[in-house]
Amino acid sequence: MTSTKAVLLTLGLCLGPAAALAEQSPAREALKQHCTGDYMDYCSAYAPGGPEVEACFKANMKNLSPGCSAAITAYKQEKKATKRVSEVR
């Protein structure tokens, strides 16, 4: 596996429980695209899939690239909307 693929896989596993969804959402794709570098710069010391990575991104929010910050915001909004829809069912 190439290092880029490994980083994307790691990032995908780190950024929340939505990984259980069968399809990749546009917001998750944006996370992969815009946050990989930030993950490597600030949070790669933490094991994938753990709450430490999410806490690391939160702690470094003001240091993240604008694209990554926007992708995180979009992901959170999508996650909130998905939760509301599932609660209605």
N, C-alpha and C. Protein backbone atom coordinates (compact mmCIF):
# COMPACT_ATOMS: atom_id res chain seq x y z
N MET A 1 0.85 -1.17 0.00
CA MET A 1 0.00 0.00 0.00
C MET A 1 0.90 1.23 0.00
N THR A 2 0.56 2.20 -0.85
CA THR A 2 1.37 3.41 -0.88
C THR A 2 1.12 4.24 0.36
N SER A 3 2.06 5.11 0.67
CA SER A 3 1.92 5.92 1.89
C SER A 3 0.71 6.83 1.79
N THR A 4 0.38 7.33 0.60
CA THR A 4 -0.78 8.20 0.44
C THR A 4 -2.06 7.42 0.75
N LYS A 5 -2.16 6.21 0.23
CA LYS A 5 -3.33 5.39 0.51
C LYS A 5 -3.42 5.06 1.99
N ALA A 6 -2.30 4.80 2.61
CA ALA A 6 -2.29 4.50 4.04
C ALA A 6 -2.77 5.70 4.85
N VAL A 7 -2.33 6.89 4.47
CA VAL A 7 -2.75 8.10 5.17
C VAL A 7 -4.25 8.31 4.99
N LEU A 8 -4.75 8.15 3.78
CA LEU A 8 -6.17 8.32 3.54
C LEU A 8 -6.99 7.29 4.31
N LEU A 9 -6.54 6.07 4.35
CA LEU A 9 -7.22 5.04 5.11
C LEU A 9 -7.23 5.39 6.59
N THR A 10 -6.09 5.80 7.09
CA THR A 10 -5.99 6.19 8.50
C THR A 10 -6.90 7.35 8.80
N LEU A 11 -6.89 8.36 7.95
CA LEU A 11 -7.72 9.53 8.16
C LEU A 11 -9.20 9.14 8.11
N GLY A 12 -9.55 8.28 7.19
CA GLY A 12 -10.93 7.82 7.09
C GLY A 12 -11.39 7.09 8.33
N LEU A 13 -10.51 6.33 8.94
CA LEU A 13 -10.85 5.60 10.14
C LEU A 13 -10.89 6.50 11.38
N CYS A 14 -10.19 7.61 11.30
CA CYS A 14 -10.05 8.48 12.46
C CYS A 14 -11.18 9.46 12.64
N LEU A 15 -11.84 9.79 11.60
CA LEU A 15 -12.70 10.96 11.66
C LEU A 15 -14.16 10.66 11.93
N GLY A 16 -14.43 9.63 12.65
CA GLY A 16 -15.77 9.47 13.16
C GLY A 16 -16.47 8.20 12.79
N PRO A 17 -17.58 7.99 13.45
CA PRO A 17 -18.34 6.75 13.29
C PRO A 17 -19.05 6.62 11.95
N ALA A 18 -19.08 7.64 11.15
CA ALA A 18 -19.74 7.55 9.86
C ALA A 18 -19.04 6.56 8.93
N ALA A 19 -17.88 6.08 9.32
CA ALA A 19 -17.19 5.08 8.51
C ALA A 19 -18.02 3.81 8.37
N ALA A 20 -18.97 3.64 9.24
CA ALA A 20 -19.84 2.47 9.17
C ALA A 20 -20.83 2.56 8.01
N LEU A 21 -21.02 3.75 7.47
CA LEU A 21 -21.94 3.91 6.35
C LEU A 21 -21.35 3.25 5.12
N ALA A 22 -22.21 2.62 4.34
CA ALA A 22 -21.74 1.90 3.17
C ALA A 22 -21.20 2.84 2.09
N GLU A 23 -21.81 4.01 1.93
CA GLU A 23 -21.38 4.93 0.90
C GLU A 23 -20.58 6.08 1.51
N GLN A 24 -19.62 6.56 0.76
CA GLN A 24 -18.86 7.72 1.19
C GLN A 24 -19.65 8.97 0.88
N SER A 25 -19.83 9.82 1.86
CA SER A 25 -20.54 11.07 1.65
C SER A 25 -19.60 12.11 1.07
N PRO A 26 -20.14 13.13 0.45
CA PRO A 26 -19.29 14.21 -0.05
C PRO A 26 -18.49 14.87 1.08
N ALA A 27 -19.07 14.99 2.25
CA ALA A 27 -18.37 15.61 3.38
C ALA A 27 -17.17 14.76 3.81
N ARG A 28 -17.32 13.44 3.83
CA ARG A 28 -16.19 12.57 4.21
C ARG A 28 -15.11 12.61 3.14
N GLU A 29 -15.50 12.69 1.90
CA GLU A 29 -14.52 12.81 0.82
C GLU A 29 -13.75 14.11 0.97
N ALA A 30 -14.45 15.19 1.34
CA ALA A 30 -13.78 16.49 1.54
C ALA A 30 -12.80 16.40 2.71
N LEU A 31 -13.17 15.67 3.76
CA LEU A 31 -12.24 15.49 4.88
C LEU A 31 -10.95 14.83 4.41
N LYS A 32 -11.11 13.78 3.65
CA LYS A 32 -9.93 13.08 3.14
C LYS A 32 -9.06 14.00 2.29
N GLN A 33 -9.73 14.74 1.42
CA GLN A 33 -8.99 15.60 0.49
C GLN A 33 -8.29 16.75 1.20
N HIS A 34 -8.98 17.39 2.13
CA HIS A 34 -8.46 18.63 2.70
C HIS A 34 -7.74 18.48 4.04
N CYS A 35 -7.91 17.36 4.72
CA CYS A 35 -7.35 17.23 6.07
C CYS A 35 -6.18 16.27 6.21
N THR A 36 -5.83 15.58 5.15
CA THR A 36 -4.73 14.62 5.24
C THR A 36 -3.44 15.29 5.69
N GLY A 37 -3.10 16.41 5.08
CA GLY A 37 -1.88 17.12 5.47
C GLY A 37 -1.91 17.59 6.90
N ASP A 38 -3.06 18.09 7.34
CA ASP A 38 -3.20 18.55 8.72
C ASP A 38 -3.09 17.38 9.70
N TYR A 39 -3.65 16.25 9.31
CA TYR A 39 -3.51 15.06 10.15
C TYR A 39 -2.03 14.71 10.31
N MET A 40 -1.32 14.71 9.21
CA MET A 40 0.11 14.37 9.26
C MET A 40 0.90 15.39 10.07
N ASP A 41 0.55 16.67 9.95
CA ASP A 41 1.27 17.73 10.66
C ASP A 41 0.99 17.75 12.15
N TYR A 42 -0.26 17.50 12.56
CA TYR A 42 -0.64 17.73 13.95
C TYR A 42 -1.04 16.47 14.73
N CYS A 43 -1.57 15.47 14.06
CA CYS A 43 -2.23 14.39 14.80
C CYS A 43 -1.77 12.98 14.47
N SER A 44 -0.75 12.83 13.65
CA SER A 44 -0.35 11.49 13.23
C SER A 44 0.27 10.67 14.36
N ALA A 45 0.55 11.29 15.47
CA ALA A 45 1.10 10.55 16.62
C ALA A 45 0.04 9.69 17.29
N TYR A 46 -1.22 9.92 16.94
CA TYR A 46 -2.31 9.19 17.58
C TYR A 46 -2.81 8.06 16.69
N ALA A 47 -3.15 6.97 17.34
CA ALA A 47 -3.63 5.79 16.62
C ALA A 47 -4.95 6.08 15.93
N PRO A 48 -5.13 5.54 14.74
CA PRO A 48 -6.39 5.75 14.02
C PRO A 48 -7.57 5.13 14.76
N GLY A 49 -8.69 5.78 14.63
CA GLY A 49 -9.91 5.24 15.20
C GLY A 49 -10.16 5.62 16.64
N GLY A 50 -9.20 6.25 17.28
CA GLY A 50 -9.37 6.60 18.68
C GLY A 50 -9.89 8.01 18.86
N PRO A 51 -10.42 8.28 20.03
CA PRO A 51 -10.93 9.62 20.32
C PRO A 51 -9.82 10.67 20.39
N GLU A 52 -8.58 10.20 20.52
CA GLU A 52 -7.46 11.13 20.60
C GLU A 52 -7.30 11.94 19.32
N VAL A 53 -7.57 11.33 18.18
CA VAL A 53 -7.43 12.03 16.91
C VAL A 53 -8.46 13.14 16.81
N GLU A 54 -9.70 12.85 17.15
CA GLU A 54 -10.73 13.88 17.12
C GLU A 54 -10.38 15.01 18.09
N ALA A 55 -9.91 14.66 19.27
CA ALA A 55 -9.50 15.68 20.25
C ALA A 55 -8.33 16.50 19.72
N CYS A 56 -7.41 15.85 19.02
CA CYS A 56 -6.27 16.55 18.45
C CYS A 56 -6.71 17.58 17.41
N PHE A 57 -7.61 17.17 16.52
CA PHE A 57 -8.12 18.12 15.53
C PHE A 57 -8.83 19.28 16.22
N LYS A 58 -9.61 18.97 17.23
CA LYS A 58 -10.33 20.02 17.97
C LYS A 58 -9.34 20.98 18.62
N ALA A 59 -8.30 20.46 19.24
CA ALA A 59 -7.30 21.29 19.91
C ALA A 59 -6.50 22.14 18.92
N ASN A 60 -6.37 21.66 17.70
CA ASN A 60 -5.58 22.36 16.69
C ASN A 60 -6.43 23.10 15.66
N MET A 61 -7.71 23.27 15.94
CA MET A 61 -8.63 23.85 14.96
C MET A 61 -8.12 25.20 14.42
N LYS A 62 -7.56 26.04 15.26
CA LYS A 62 -7.10 27.35 14.77
C LYS A 62 -5.84 27.23 13.90
N ASN A 63 -5.16 26.11 13.96
CA ASN A 63 -3.96 25.89 13.15
C ASN A 63 -4.23 25.16 11.85
N LEU A 64 -5.42 24.60 11.70
CA LEU A 64 -5.73 23.80 10.52
C LEU A 64 -5.86 24.68 9.28
N SER A 65 -5.64 24.08 8.15
CA SER A 65 -5.80 24.82 6.89
C SER A 65 -7.26 25.22 6.73
N PRO A 66 -7.51 26.30 5.99
CA PRO A 66 -8.90 26.72 5.78
C PRO A 66 -9.76 25.63 5.14
N GLY A 67 -9.19 24.90 4.21
CA GLY A 67 -9.95 23.82 3.56
C GLY A 67 -10.34 22.72 4.54
N CYS A 68 -9.42 22.38 5.43
CA CYS A 68 -9.71 21.34 6.41
C CYS A 68 -10.76 21.83 7.41
N SER A 69 -10.62 23.06 7.86
CA SER A 69 -11.61 23.62 8.80
C SER A 69 -13.00 23.61 8.18
N ALA A 70 -13.08 24.01 6.92
CA ALA A 70 -14.37 24.02 6.23
C ALA A 70 -14.91 22.60 6.06
N ALA A 71 -14.05 21.66 5.76
CA ALA A 71 -14.47 20.27 5.59
C ALA A 71 -14.98 19.70 6.91
N ILE A 72 -14.34 20.02 8.01
CA ILE A 72 -14.78 19.55 9.32
C ILE A 72 -16.16 20.14 9.65
N THR A 73 -16.34 21.41 9.38
CA THR A 73 -17.63 22.06 9.62
C THR A 73 -18.72 21.39 8.79
N ALA A 74 -18.45 21.15 7.51
CA ALA A 74 -19.43 20.50 6.64
C ALA A 74 -19.74 19.09 7.11
N TYR A 75 -18.72 18.37 7.55
CA TYR A 75 -18.91 17.01 8.05
C TYR A 75 -19.80 17.01 9.29
N LYS A 76 -19.53 17.93 10.21
CA LYS A 76 -20.34 18.01 11.43
C LYS A 76 -21.80 18.33 11.10
N GLN A 77 -22.02 19.24 10.16
CA GLN A 77 -23.39 19.58 9.76
C GLN A 77 -24.08 18.38 9.13
N GLU A 78 -23.36 17.65 8.28
CA GLU A 78 -23.95 16.47 7.65
C GLU A 78 -24.28 15.40 8.70
N LYS A 79 -23.36 15.22 9.63
CA LYS A 79 -23.56 14.22 10.69
C LYS A 79 -24.78 14.59 11.54
N LYS A 80 -24.93 15.88 11.85
CA LYS A 80 -26.07 16.34 12.64
C LYS A 80 -27.38 16.12 11.86
N ALA A 81 -27.37 16.43 10.58
CA ALA A 81 -28.56 16.24 9.74
C ALA A 81 -28.92 14.77 9.63
N THR A 82 -27.92 13.91 9.48
CA THR A 82 -28.16 12.47 9.39
C THR A 82 -28.73 11.95 10.70
N LYS A 83 -28.24 12.45 11.81
CA LYS A 83 -28.76 12.03 13.11
C LYS A 83 -30.22 12.43 13.25
N ARG A 84 -30.57 13.65 12.83
CA ARG A 84 -31.97 14.10 12.92
C ARG A 84 -32.87 13.21 12.08
N VAL A 85 -32.43 12.86 10.88
CA VAL A 85 -33.24 12.02 10.00
C VAL A 85 -33.43 10.64 10.62
N SER A 86 -32.40 10.07 11.22
CA SER A 86 -32.51 8.75 11.81
C SER A 86 -33.40 8.77 13.06
N GLU A 87 -33.46 9.90 13.75
CA GLU A 87 -34.32 10.01 14.93
C GLU A 87 -35.78 10.07 14.55
N VAL A 88 -36.09 10.57 13.35
CA VAL A 88 -37.47 10.69 12.89
C VAL A 88 -38.05 9.33 12.57
N ARG A 89 -37.21 8.42 12.14
CA ARG A 89 -37.68 7.08 11.73
C ARG A 89 -38.15 6.29 12.87
